[in-house]
PDB file of N, CA and C in Angstrom:
ATOM      1  N   MET A   1      35.590  66.193 -25.150  1.00  0.00           N
ATOM      2  CA  MET A   1      35.652  64.776 -25.450  1.00  0.00           C
ATOM      3  C   MET A   1      34.258  64.266 -25.796  1.00  0.00           C
ATOM      4  N   ILE A   2      34.196  63.412 -26.807  1.00  0.00           N
ATOM      5  CA  ILE A   2      32.951  62.731 -27.147  1.00  0.00           C
ATOM      6  C   ILE A   2      32.919  61.438 -26.342  1.00  0.00           C
ATOM      7  N   GLU A   3      31.888  61.275 -25.541  1.00  0.00           N
ATOM      8  CA  GLU A   3      31.701  60.045 -24.767  1.00  0.00           C
ATOM      9  C   GLU A   3      30.638  59.216 -25.461  1.00  0.00           C
ATOM     10  N   ILE A   4      31.042  58.037 -25.919  1.00  0.00           N
ATOM     11  CA  ILE A   4      30.136  57.164 -26.657  1.00  0.00           C
ATOM     12  C   ILE A   4      29.974  55.852 -25.902  1.00  0.00           C
ATOM     13  N   THR A   5      28.722  55.492 -25.640  1.00  0.00           N
ATOM     14  CA  THR A   5      28.404  54.198 -25.047  1.00  0.00           C
ATOM     15  C   THR A   5      27.670  53.381 -26.094  1.00  0.00           C
ATOM     16  N   VAL A   6      28.181  52.185 -26.351  1.00  0.00           N
ATOM     17  CA  VAL A   6      27.525  51.246 -27.255  1.00  0.00           C
ATOM     18  C   VAL A   6      26.825  50.210 -26.387  1.00  0.00           C
ATOM     19  N   PHE A   7      25.535  50.077 -26.584  1.00  0.00           N
ATOM     20  CA  PHE A   7      24.747  49.130 -25.806  1.00  0.00           C
ATOM     21  C   PHE A   7      24.699  47.798 -26.537  1.00  0.00           C
ATOM     22  N   THR A   8      24.957  46.732 -25.790  1.00  0.00           N
ATOM     23  CA  THR A   8      24.988  45.391 -26.370  1.00  0.00           C
ATOM     24  C   THR A   8      23.963  44.500 -25.673  1.00  0.00           C
ATOM     25  N   LYS A   9      23.518  43.513 -26.422  1.00  0.00           N
ATOM     26  CA  LYS A   9      22.648  42.469 -25.873  1.00  0.00           C
ATOM     27  C   LYS A   9      23.135  41.171 -26.471  1.00  0.00           C
ATOM     28  N   LYS A  10      23.646  40.326 -25.600  1.00  0.00           N
ATOM     29  CA  LYS A  10      24.357  39.134 -26.037  1.00  0.00           C
ATOM     30  C   LYS A  10      25.530  39.613 -26.886  1.00  0.00           C
ATOM     31  N   ASP A  11      25.640  39.277 -28.130  1.00  0.00           N
ATOM     32  CA  ASP A  11      26.757  39.767 -28.941  1.00  0.00           C
ATOM     33  C   ASP A  11      26.330  40.797 -29.975  1.00  0.00           C
ATOM     34  N   ASP A  12      25.115  41.323 -29.843  1.00  0.00           N
ATOM     35  CA  ASP A  12      24.613  42.304 -30.807  1.00  0.00           C
ATOM     36  C   ASP A  12      24.767  43.717 -30.266  1.00  0.00           C
ATOM     37  N   PHE A  13      25.075  44.664 -31.150  1.00  0.00           N
ATOM     38  CA  PHE A  13      25.056  46.074 -30.825  1.00  0.00           C
ATOM     39  C   PHE A  13      23.625  46.556 -31.057  1.00  0.00           C
ATOM     40  N   ILE A  14      22.961  47.028 -29.994  1.00  0.00           N
ATOM     41  CA  ILE A  14      21.549  47.387 -30.124  1.00  0.00           C
ATOM     42  C   ILE A  14      21.281  48.874 -29.922  1.00  0.00           C
ATOM     43  N   GLY A  15      22.298  49.640 -29.611  1.00  0.00           N
ATOM     44  CA  GLY A  15      22.076  51.058 -29.415  1.00  0.00           C
ATOM     45  C   GLY A  15      23.362  51.801 -29.170  1.00  0.00           C
ATOM     46  N   ILE A  16      23.231  53.120 -29.170  1.00  0.00           N
ATOM     47  CA  ILE A  16      24.390  53.976 -28.947  1.00  0.00           C
ATOM     48  C   ILE A  16      23.923  55.266 -28.293  1.00  0.00           C
ATOM     49  N   GLU A  17      24.742  55.791 -27.410  1.00  0.00           N
ATOM     50  CA  GLU A  17      24.527  57.119 -26.843  1.00  0.00           C
ATOM     51  C   GLU A  17      25.826  57.889 -26.986  1.00  0.00           C
ATOM     52  N   SER A  18      25.735  59.089 -27.511  1.00  0.00           N
ATOM     53  CA  SER A  18      26.905  59.933 -27.720  1.00  0.00           C
ATOM     54  C   SER A  18      26.626  61.305 -27.144  1.00  0.00           C
ATOM     55  N   LYS A  19      27.598  61.825 -26.390  1.00  0.00           N
ATOM     56  CA  LYS A  19      27.435  63.168 -25.847  1.00  0.00           C
ATOM     57  C   LYS A  19      28.775  63.883 -25.810  1.00  0.00           C
ATOM     58  N   GLY A  20      28.707  65.167 -26.015  1.00  0.00           N
ATOM     59  CA  GLY A  20      29.896  65.996 -25.939  1.00  0.00           C
ATOM     60  C   GLY A  20      30.485  66.323 -27.295  1.00  0.00           C
ATOM     61  N   HIS A  21      31.580  67.055 -27.241  1.00  0.00           N
ATOM     62  CA  HIS A  21      32.321  67.456 -28.430  1.00  0.00           C
ATOM     63  C   HIS A  21      33.782  67.054 -28.261  1.00  0.00           C
ATOM     64  N   ALA A  22      34.430  66.740 -29.355  1.00  0.00           N
ATOM     65  CA  ALA A  22      35.799  66.231 -29.300  1.00  0.00           C
ATOM     66  C   ALA A  22      36.787  67.267 -28.766  1.00  0.00           C
ATOM     67  N   GLY A  23      36.625  68.519 -29.156  1.00  0.00           N
ATOM     68  CA  GLY A  23      37.590  69.529 -28.735  1.00  0.00           C
ATOM     69  C   GLY A  23      38.889  69.480 -29.515  1.00  0.00           C
ATOM     70  N   TYR A  24      38.865  68.861 -30.670  1.00  0.00           N
ATOM     71  CA  TYR A  24      40.052  68.743 -31.517  1.00  0.00           C
ATOM     72  C   TYR A  24      40.362  70.059 -32.215  1.00  0.00           C
ATOM     73  N   ALA A  25      39.314  70.794 -32.594  1.00  0.00           N
ATOM     74  CA  ALA A  25      39.462  72.075 -33.289  1.00  0.00           C
ATOM     75  C   ALA A  25      38.273  72.956 -32.930  1.00  0.00           C
ATOM     76  N   GLU A  26      38.268  74.171 -33.443  1.00  0.00           N
ATOM     77  CA  GLU A  26      37.179  75.095 -33.189  1.00  0.00           C
ATOM     78  C   GLU A  26      35.849  74.516 -33.679  1.00  0.00           C
ATOM     79  N   HIS A  27      34.780  74.954 -33.022  1.00  0.00           N
ATOM     80  CA  HIS A  27      33.436  74.538 -33.419  1.00  0.00           C
ATOM     81  C   HIS A  27      33.228  74.850 -34.900  1.00  0.00           C
ATOM     82  N   GLY A  28      32.750  73.869 -35.644  1.00  0.00           N
ATOM     83  CA  GLY A  28      32.552  74.035 -37.081  1.00  0.00           C
ATOM     84  C   GLY A  28      33.728  73.575 -37.920  1.00  0.00           C
ATOM     85  N   SER A  29      34.868  73.353 -37.270  1.00  0.00           N
ATOM     86  CA  SER A  29      36.072  72.899 -37.985  1.00  0.00           C
ATOM     87  C   SER A  29      36.631  71.603 -37.409  1.00  0.00           C
ATOM     88  N   ASP A  30      35.904  70.997 -36.502  1.00  0.00           N
ATOM     89  CA  ASP A  30      36.392  69.816 -35.782  1.00  0.00           C
ATOM     90  C   ASP A  30      36.120  68.550 -36.602  1.00  0.00           C
ATOM     91  N   ILE A  31      37.174  68.009 -37.216  1.00  0.00           N
ATOM     92  CA  ILE A  31      37.004  66.846 -38.086  1.00  0.00           C
ATOM     93  C   ILE A  31      36.614  65.588 -37.323  1.00  0.00           C
ATOM     94  N   ILE A  32      36.983  65.505 -36.062  1.00  0.00           N
ATOM     95  CA  ILE A  32      36.609  64.324 -35.279  1.00  0.00           C
ATOM     96  C   ILE A  32      35.111  64.348 -34.984  1.00  0.00           C
ATOM     97  N   CYS A  33      34.603  65.497 -34.558  1.00  0.00           N
ATOM     98  CA  CYS A  33      33.153  65.622 -34.336  1.00  0.00           C
ATOM     99  C   CYS A  33      32.384  65.370 -35.632  1.00  0.00           C
ATOM    100  N   SER A  34      32.889  65.935 -36.709  1.00  0.00           N
ATOM    101  CA  SER A  34      32.215  65.765 -38.002  1.00  0.00           C
ATOM    102  C   SER A  34      32.173  64.302 -38.415  1.00  0.00           C
ATOM    103  N   ALA A  35      33.285  63.621 -38.285  1.00  0.00           N
ATOM    104  CA  ALA A  35      33.354  62.213 -38.690  1.00  0.00           C
ATOM    105  C   ALA A  35      32.449  61.345 -37.818  1.00  0.00           C
ATOM    106  N   ALA A  36      32.524  61.525 -36.512  1.00  0.00           N
ATOM    107  CA  ALA A  36      31.695  60.723 -35.602  1.00  0.00           C
ATOM    108  C   ALA A  36      30.217  61.006 -35.848  1.00  0.00           C
ATOM    109  N   SER A  37      29.863  62.271 -36.001  1.00  0.00           N
ATOM    110  CA  SER A  37      28.463  62.636 -36.250  1.00  0.00           C
ATOM    111  C   SER A  37      27.961  62.040 -37.558  1.00  0.00           C
ATOM    112  N   ALA A  38      28.767  62.139 -38.594  1.00  0.00           N
ATOM    113  CA  ALA A  38      28.366  61.599 -39.897  1.00  0.00           C
ATOM    114  C   ALA A  38      28.125  60.095 -39.814  1.00  0.00           C
ATOM    115  N   LEU A  39      29.009  59.378 -39.133  1.00  0.00           N
ATOM    116  CA  LEU A  39      28.827  57.931 -38.985  1.00  0.00           C
ATOM    117  C   LEU A  39      27.538  57.601 -38.243  1.00  0.00           C
ATOM    118  N   MET A  40      27.303  58.304 -37.144  1.00  0.00           N
ATOM    119  CA  MET A  40      26.127  57.990 -36.327  1.00  0.00           C
ATOM    120  C   MET A  40      24.818  58.363 -37.032  1.00  0.00           C
ATOM    121  N   ILE A  41      24.756  59.561 -37.598  1.00  0.00           N
ATOM    122  CA  ILE A  41      23.533  59.986 -38.282  1.00  0.00           C
ATOM    123  C   ILE A  41      23.269  59.104 -39.503  1.00  0.00           C
ATOM    124  N   ASN A  42      24.322  58.763 -40.233  1.00  0.00           N
ATOM    125  CA  ASN A  42      24.151  57.886 -41.396  1.00  0.00           C
ATOM    126  C   ASN A  42      23.630  56.515 -40.981  1.00  0.00           C
ATOM    127  N   THR A  43      24.102  55.996 -39.861  1.00  0.00           N
ATOM    128  CA  THR A  43      23.627  54.701 -39.384  1.00  0.00           C
ATOM    129  C   THR A  43      22.141  54.768 -39.042  1.00  0.00           C
ATOM    130  N   VAL A  44      21.731  55.795 -38.314  1.00  0.00           N
ATOM    131  CA  VAL A  44      20.313  55.952 -37.972  1.00  0.00           C
ATOM    132  C   VAL A  44      19.479  56.057 -39.251  1.00  0.00           C
ATOM    133  N   ASN A  45      19.913  56.891 -40.183  1.00  0.00           N
ATOM    134  CA  ASN A  45      19.175  57.062 -41.437  1.00  0.00           C
ATOM    135  C   ASN A  45      19.118  55.771 -42.240  1.00  0.00           C
ATOM    136  N   ALA A  46      20.200  55.004 -42.258  1.00  0.00           N
ATOM    137  CA  ALA A  46      20.234  53.743 -43.006  1.00  0.00           C
ATOM    138  C   ALA A  46      19.320  52.699 -42.378  1.00  0.00           C
ATOM    139  N   VAL A  47      19.307  52.614 -41.048  1.00  0.00           N
ATOM    140  CA  VAL A  47      18.383  51.675 -40.383  1.00  0.00           C
ATOM    141  C   VAL A  47      16.948  52.038 -40.737  1.00  0.00           C
ATOM    142  N   GLU A  48      16.640  53.332 -40.719  1.00  0.00           N
ATOM    143  CA  GLU A  48      15.284  53.767 -41.046  1.00  0.00           C
ATOM    144  C   GLU A  48      14.932  53.501 -42.515  1.00  0.00           C
ATOM    145  N   ALA A  49      15.875  53.744 -43.423  1.00  0.00           N
ATOM    146  CA  ALA A  49      15.600  53.627 -44.854  1.00  0.00           C
ATOM    147  C   ALA A  49      15.619  52.191 -45.365  1.00  0.00           C
ATOM    148  N   PHE A  50      16.488  51.367 -44.807  1.00  0.00           N
ATOM    149  CA  PHE A  50      16.731  50.059 -45.412  1.00  0.00           C
ATOM    150  C   PHE A  50      16.269  48.866 -44.589  1.00  0.00           C
ATOM    151  N   THR A  51      15.681  49.118 -43.409  1.00  0.00           N
ATOM    152  CA  THR A  51      15.176  48.005 -42.606  1.00  0.00           C
ATOM    153  C   THR A  51      13.761  48.325 -42.129  1.00  0.00           C
ATOM    154  N   ASP A  52      13.116  47.325 -41.579  1.00  0.00           N
ATOM    155  CA  ASP A  52      11.816  47.516 -40.940  1.00  0.00           C
ATOM    156  C   ASP A  52      11.952  47.526 -39.423  1.00  0.00           C
ATOM    157  N   ASP A  53      13.194  47.563 -38.931  1.00  0.00           N
ATOM    158  CA  ASP A  53      13.443  47.512 -37.498  1.00  0.00           C
ATOM    159  C   ASP A  53      12.896  48.760 -36.811  1.00  0.00           C
ATOM    160  N   LYS A  54      12.361  48.569 -35.623  1.00  0.00           N
ATOM    161  CA  LYS A  54      11.816  49.662 -34.823  1.00  0.00           C
ATOM    162  C   LYS A  54      12.913  50.196 -33.902  1.00  0.00           C
ATOM    163  N   PHE A  55      12.895  51.510 -33.690  1.00  0.00           N
ATOM    164  CA  PHE A  55      13.911  52.133 -32.843  1.00  0.00           C
ATOM    165  C   PHE A  55      13.384  53.433 -32.260  1.00  0.00           C
ATOM    166  N   ILE A  56      14.098  53.906 -31.249  1.00  0.00           N
ATOM    167  CA  ILE A  56      13.875  55.251 -30.732  1.00  0.00           C
ATOM    168  C   ILE A  56      15.146  56.044 -30.984  1.00  0.00           C
ATOM    169  N   CYS A  57      14.969  57.330 -31.214  1.00  0.00           N
ATOM    170  CA  CYS A  57      16.116  58.188 -31.472  1.00  0.00           C
ATOM    171  C   CYS A  57      15.829  59.568 -30.898  1.00  0.00           C
ATOM    172  N   ASN A  58      16.752  60.081 -30.124  1.00  0.00           N
ATOM    173  CA  ASN A  58      16.684  61.431 -29.586  1.00  0.00           C
ATOM    174  C   ASN A  58      17.980  62.136 -29.953  1.00  0.00           C
ATOM    175  N   GLN A  59      17.835  63.364 -30.443  1.00  0.00           N
ATOM    176  CA  GLN A  59      19.018  64.107 -30.854  1.00  0.00           C
ATOM    177  C   GLN A  59      18.861  65.576 -30.500  1.00  0.00           C
ATOM    178  N   ARG A  60      19.947  66.165 -30.069  1.00  0.00           N
ATOM    179  CA  ARG A  60      20.053  67.607 -29.892  1.00  0.00           C
ATOM    180  C   ARG A  60      21.530  67.963 -30.025  1.00  0.00           C
ATOM    181  N   GLU A  61      21.853  69.209 -29.952  1.00  0.00           N
ATOM    182  CA  GLU A  61      23.245  69.653 -30.109  1.00  0.00           C
ATOM    183  C   GLU A  61      24.182  68.861 -29.192  1.00  0.00           C
ATOM    184  N   GLY A  62      25.121  68.153 -29.776  1.00  0.00           N
ATOM    185  CA  GLY A  62      26.113  67.414 -28.995  1.00  0.00           C
ATOM    186  C   GLY A  62      25.608  66.144 -28.340  1.00  0.00           C
ATOM    187  N   TYR A  63      24.428  65.662 -28.729  1.00  0.00           N
ATOM    188  CA  TYR A  63      23.867  64.468 -28.090  1.00  0.00           C
ATOM    189  C   TYR A  63      23.075  63.652 -29.098  1.00  0.00           C
ATOM    190  N   LEU A  64      23.276  62.332 -29.048  1.00  0.00           N
ATOM    191  CA  LEU A  64      22.486  61.400 -29.847  1.00  0.00           C
ATOM    192  C   LEU A  64      22.260  60.137 -29.047  1.00  0.00           C
ATOM    193  N   GLU A  65      21.011  59.707 -29.002  1.00  0.00           N
ATOM    194  CA  GLU A  65      20.648  58.435 -28.373  1.00  0.00           C
ATOM    195  C   GLU A  65      19.839  57.653 -29.400  1.00  0.00           C
ATOM    196  N   PHE A  66      20.256  56.408 -29.642  1.00  0.00           N
ATOM    197  CA  PHE A  66      19.606  55.550 -30.625  1.00  0.00           C
ATOM    198  C   PHE A  66      19.549  54.141 -30.059  1.00  0.00           C
ATOM    199  N   HIS A  67      18.345  53.559 -30.010  1.00  0.00           N
ATOM    200  CA  HIS A  67      18.169  52.194 -29.500  1.00  0.00           C
ATOM    201  C   HIS A  67      17.205  51.427 -30.395  1.00  0.00           C
ATOM    202  N   LEU A  68      17.614  50.272 -30.848  1.00  0.00           N
ATOM    203  CA  LEU A  68      16.703  49.356 -31.525  1.00  0.00           C
ATOM    204  C   LEU A  68      15.803  48.757 -30.457  1.00  0.00           C
ATOM    205  N   THR A  69      14.504  48.696 -30.731  1.00  0.00           N
ATOM    206  CA  THR A  69      13.553  48.316 -29.683  1.00  0.00           C
ATOM    207  C   THR A  69      13.018  46.896 -29.801  1.00  0.00           C
ATOM    208  N   LYS A  70      13.227  46.266 -30.902  1.00  0.00           N
ATOM    209  CA  LYS A  70      12.766  44.886 -31.107  1.00  0.00           C
ATOM    210  C   LYS A  70      13.959  44.035 -31.505  1.00  0.00           C
ATOM    211  N   SER A  71      13.707  42.829 -31.952  1.00  0.00           N
ATOM    212  CA  SER A  71      14.808  41.989 -32.416  1.00  0.00           C
ATOM    213  C   SER A  71      15.500  42.683 -33.595  1.00  0.00           C
ATOM    214  N   ILE A  72      16.782  42.443 -33.714  1.00  0.00           N
ATOM    215  CA  ILE A  72      17.600  43.156 -34.688  1.00  0.00           C
ATOM    216  C   ILE A  72      17.761  42.310 -35.957  1.00  0.00           C
ATOM    217  N   SER A  73      17.542  42.940 -37.087  1.00  0.00           N
ATOM    218  CA  SER A  73      17.691  42.240 -38.369  1.00  0.00           C
ATOM    219  C   SER A  73      19.182  42.135 -38.723  1.00  0.00           C
ATOM    220  N   GLN A  74      19.480  41.277 -39.685  1.00  0.00           N
ATOM    221  CA  GLN A  74      20.868  41.148 -40.149  1.00  0.00           C
ATOM    222  C   GLN A  74      21.369  42.467 -40.732  1.00  0.00           C
ATOM    223  N   SER A  75      20.493  43.197 -41.397  1.00  0.00           N
ATOM    224  CA  SER A  75      20.894  44.485 -41.979  1.00  0.00           C
ATOM    225  C   SER A  75      21.276  45.484 -40.891  1.00  0.00           C
ATOM    226  N   SER A  76      20.454  45.597 -39.857  1.00  0.00           N
ATOM    227  CA  SER A  76      20.774  46.517 -38.759  1.00  0.00           C
ATOM    228  C   SER A  76      22.007  46.067 -38.001  1.00  0.00           C
ATOM    229  N   GLU A  77      22.160  44.764 -37.853  1.00  0.00           N
ATOM    230  CA  GLU A  77      23.349  44.233 -37.198  1.00  0.00           C
ATOM    231  C   GLU A  77      24.608  44.663 -37.953  1.00  0.00           C
ATOM    232  N   LEU A  78      24.584  44.535 -39.269  1.00  0.00           N
ATOM    233  CA  LEU A  78      25.733  44.944 -40.083  1.00  0.00           C
ATOM    234  C   LEU A  78      25.964  46.452 -39.989  1.00  0.00           C
ATOM    235  N   LEU A  79      24.905  47.240 -40.053  1.00  0.00           N
ATOM    236  CA  LEU A  79      25.037  48.695 -39.945  1.00  0.00           C
ATOM    237  C   LEU A  79      25.629  49.100 -38.599  1.00  0.00           C
ATOM    238  N   MET A  80      25.183  48.476 -37.521  1.00  0.00           N
ATOM    239  CA  MET A  80      25.713  48.799 -36.196  1.00  0.00           C
ATOM    240  C   MET A  80      27.171  48.371 -36.054  1.00  0.00           C
ATOM    241  N   LYS A  81      27.534  47.216 -36.598  1.00  0.00           N
ATOM    242  CA  LYS A  81      28.933  46.783 -36.568  1.00  0.00           C
ATOM    243  C   LYS A  81      29.817  47.752 -37.343  1.00  0.00           C
ATOM    244  N   THR A  82      29.303  48.234 -38.467  1.00  0.00           N
ATOM    245  CA  THR A  82      30.046  49.194 -39.277  1.00  0.00           C
ATOM    246  C   THR A  82      30.234  50.505 -38.519  1.00  0.00           C
ATOM    247  N   LEU A  83      29.198  50.955 -37.827  1.00  0.00           N
ATOM    248  CA  LEU A  83      29.295  52.166 -37.012  1.00  0.00           C
ATOM    249  C   LEU A  83      30.374  52.019 -35.944  1.00  0.00           C
ATOM    250  N   VAL A  84      30.334  50.922 -35.211  1.00  0.00           N
ATOM    251  CA  VAL A  84      31.308  50.701 -34.141  1.00  0.00           C
ATOM    252  C   VAL A  84      32.728  50.608 -34.720  1.00  0.00           C
ATOM    253  N   MET A  85      32.873  49.958 -35.865  1.00  0.00           N
ATOM    254  CA  MET A  85      34.184  49.880 -36.508  1.00  0.00           C
ATOM    255  C   MET A  85      34.691  51.282 -36.861  1.00  0.00           C
ATOM    256  N   GLY A  86      33.822  52.118 -37.413  1.00  0.00           N
ATOM    257  CA  GLY A  86      34.226  53.475 -37.786  1.00  0.00           C
ATOM    258  C   GLY A  86      34.619  54.316 -36.591  1.00  0.00           C
ATOM    259  N   ILE A  87      33.825  54.269 -35.518  1.00  0.00           N
ATOM    260  CA  ILE A  87      34.133  55.031 -34.302  1.00  0.00           C
ATOM    261  C   ILE A  87      35.442  54.538 -33.691  1.00  0.00           C
ATOM    262  N   THR A  88      35.631  53.221 -33.668  1.00  0.00           N
ATOM    263  CA  THR A  88      36.870  52.651 -33.141  1.00  0.00           C
ATOM    264  C   THR A  88      38.074  53.112 -33.962  1.00  0.00           C
ATOM    265  N   ASP A  89      37.934  53.144 -35.271  1.00  0.00           N
ATOM    266  CA  ASP A  89      39.022  53.618 -36.135  1.00  0.00           C
ATOM    267  C   ASP A  89      39.371  55.072 -35.855  1.00  0.00           C
ATOM    268  N   ILE A  90      38.356  55.909 -35.650  1.00  0.00           N
ATOM    269  CA  ILE A  90      38.627  57.315 -35.317  1.00  0.00           C
ATOM    270  C   ILE A  90      39.377  57.402 -33.997  1.00  0.00           C
ATOM    271  N   GLN A  91      38.920  56.652 -33.013  1.00  0.00           N
ATOM    272  CA  GLN A  91      39.584  56.649 -31.704  1.00  0.00           C
ATOM    273  C   GLN A  91      41.025  56.166 -31.829  1.00  0.00           C
ATOM    274  N   ASP A  92      41.248  55.106 -32.584  1.00  0.00           N
ATOM    275  CA  ASP A  92      42.603  54.572 -32.765  1.00  0.00           C
ATOM    276  C   ASP A  92      43.522  55.573 -33.460  1.00  0.00           C
ATOM    277  N   ASN A  93      42.981  56.327 -34.416  1.00  0.00           N
ATOM    278  CA  ASN A  93      43.796  57.250 -35.195  1.00  0.00           C
ATOM    279  C   ASN A  93      44.035  58.594 -34.513  1.00  0.00           C
ATOM    280  N   TYR A  94      43.092  59.044 -33.687  1.00  0.00           N
ATOM    281  CA  TYR A  94      43.222  60.377 -33.087  1.00  0.00           C
ATOM    282  C   TYR A  94      43.431  60.358 -31.580  1.00  0.00           C
ATOM    283  N   GLY A  95      43.188  59.247 -30.939  1.00  0.00           N
ATOM    284  CA  GLY A  95      43.506  59.130 -29.524  1.00  0.00           C
ATOM    285  C   GLY A  95      42.316  59.205 -28.589  1.00  0.00           C
ATOM    286  N   ASN A  96      42.546  58.671 -27.401  1.00  0.00           N
ATOM    287  CA  ASN A  96      41.516  58.589 -26.372  1.00  0.00           C
ATOM    288  C   ASN A  96      41.161  59.936 -25.759  1.00  0.00           C
ATOM    289  N   GLU A  97      41.954  60.966 -26.009  1.00  0.00           N
ATOM    290  CA  GLU A  97      41.633  62.263 -25.430  1.00  0.00           C
ATOM    291  C   GLU A  97      40.479  62.957 -26.168  1.00  0.00           C
ATOM    292  N   TYR A  98      40.087  62.423 -27.332  1.00  0.00           N
ATOM    293  CA  TYR A  98      39.000  63.024 -28.111  1.00  0.00           C
ATOM    294  C   TYR A  98      37.730  62.183 -28.123  1.00  0.00           C
ATOM    295  N   ILE A  99      37.886  60.867 -28.064  1.00  0.00           N
ATOM    296  CA  ILE A  99      36.733  59.958 -28.037  1.00  0.00           C
ATOM    297  C   ILE A  99      36.943  58.907 -26.958  1.00  0.00           C
ATOM    298  N   LYS A 100      35.956  58.802 -26.082  1.00  0.00           N
ATOM    299  CA  LYS A 100      35.937  57.731 -25.074  1.00  0.00           C
ATOM    300  C   LYS A 100      34.839  56.776 -25.483  1.00  0.00           C
ATOM    301  N   LEU A 101      35.202  55.546 -25.780  1.00  0.00           N
ATOM    302  CA  LEU A 101      34.259  54.529 -26.239  1.00  0.00           C
ATOM    303  C   LEU A 101      34.156  53.433 -25.186  1.00  0.00           C
ATOM    304  N   GLU A 102      32.916  53.144 -24.769  1.00  0.00           N
ATOM    305  CA  GLU A 102      32.706  52.059 -23.829  1.00  0.00           C
ATOM    306  C   GLU A 102      31.521  51.216 -24.287  1.00  0.00           C
ATOM    307  N   PHE A 103      31.495  50.001 -23.802  1.00  0.00           N
ATOM    308  CA  PHE A 103      30.438  49.050 -24.150  1.00  0.00           C
ATOM    309  C   PHE A 103      29.686  48.678 -22.887  1.00  0.00           C
ATOM    310  N   LYS A 104      28.359  48.600 -22.996  1.00  0.00           N
ATOM    311  CA  LYS A 104      27.526  48.302 -21.835  1.00  0.00           C
ATOM    312  C   LYS A 104      26.500  47.246 -22.204  1.00  0.00           C
ATOM    313  N   GLU A 105      26.524  46.145 -21.491  1.00  0.00           N
ATOM    314  CA  GLU A 105      25.542  45.078 -21.687  1.00  0.00           C
ATOM    315  C   GLU A 105      24.227  45.485 -21.027  1.00  0.00           C
ATOM    316  N   VAL A 106      23.127  45.336 -21.803  1.00  0.00           N
ATOM    317  CA  VAL A 106      21.796  45.671 -21.258  1.00  0.00           C
ATOM    318  C   VAL A 106      20.864  44.488 -21.334  1.00  0.00           C
TER     319      VAL A 106
END
């Protein structure tokens, strides 16, 4: 199971932590892991490429931690909302046994 925590501050999404694997299919063929990973990595890359927002990011096999460290721009806000929408859609379509999504106010 992929356990994803979305960190919020007031009504903004300011970070995400993801750990684990979905277990939907064999390693290398798991479409849920692939989709979730693509959404998260693309969001990090887009924040870096298209905004001046500061962040920290740690990644290793099966783990990603991303936190915006200063005030969040409208562009990053939209990117984070899009990420959460995509992860929620995957969870809705494939079930809670593959992705556990929770929100944590910080």
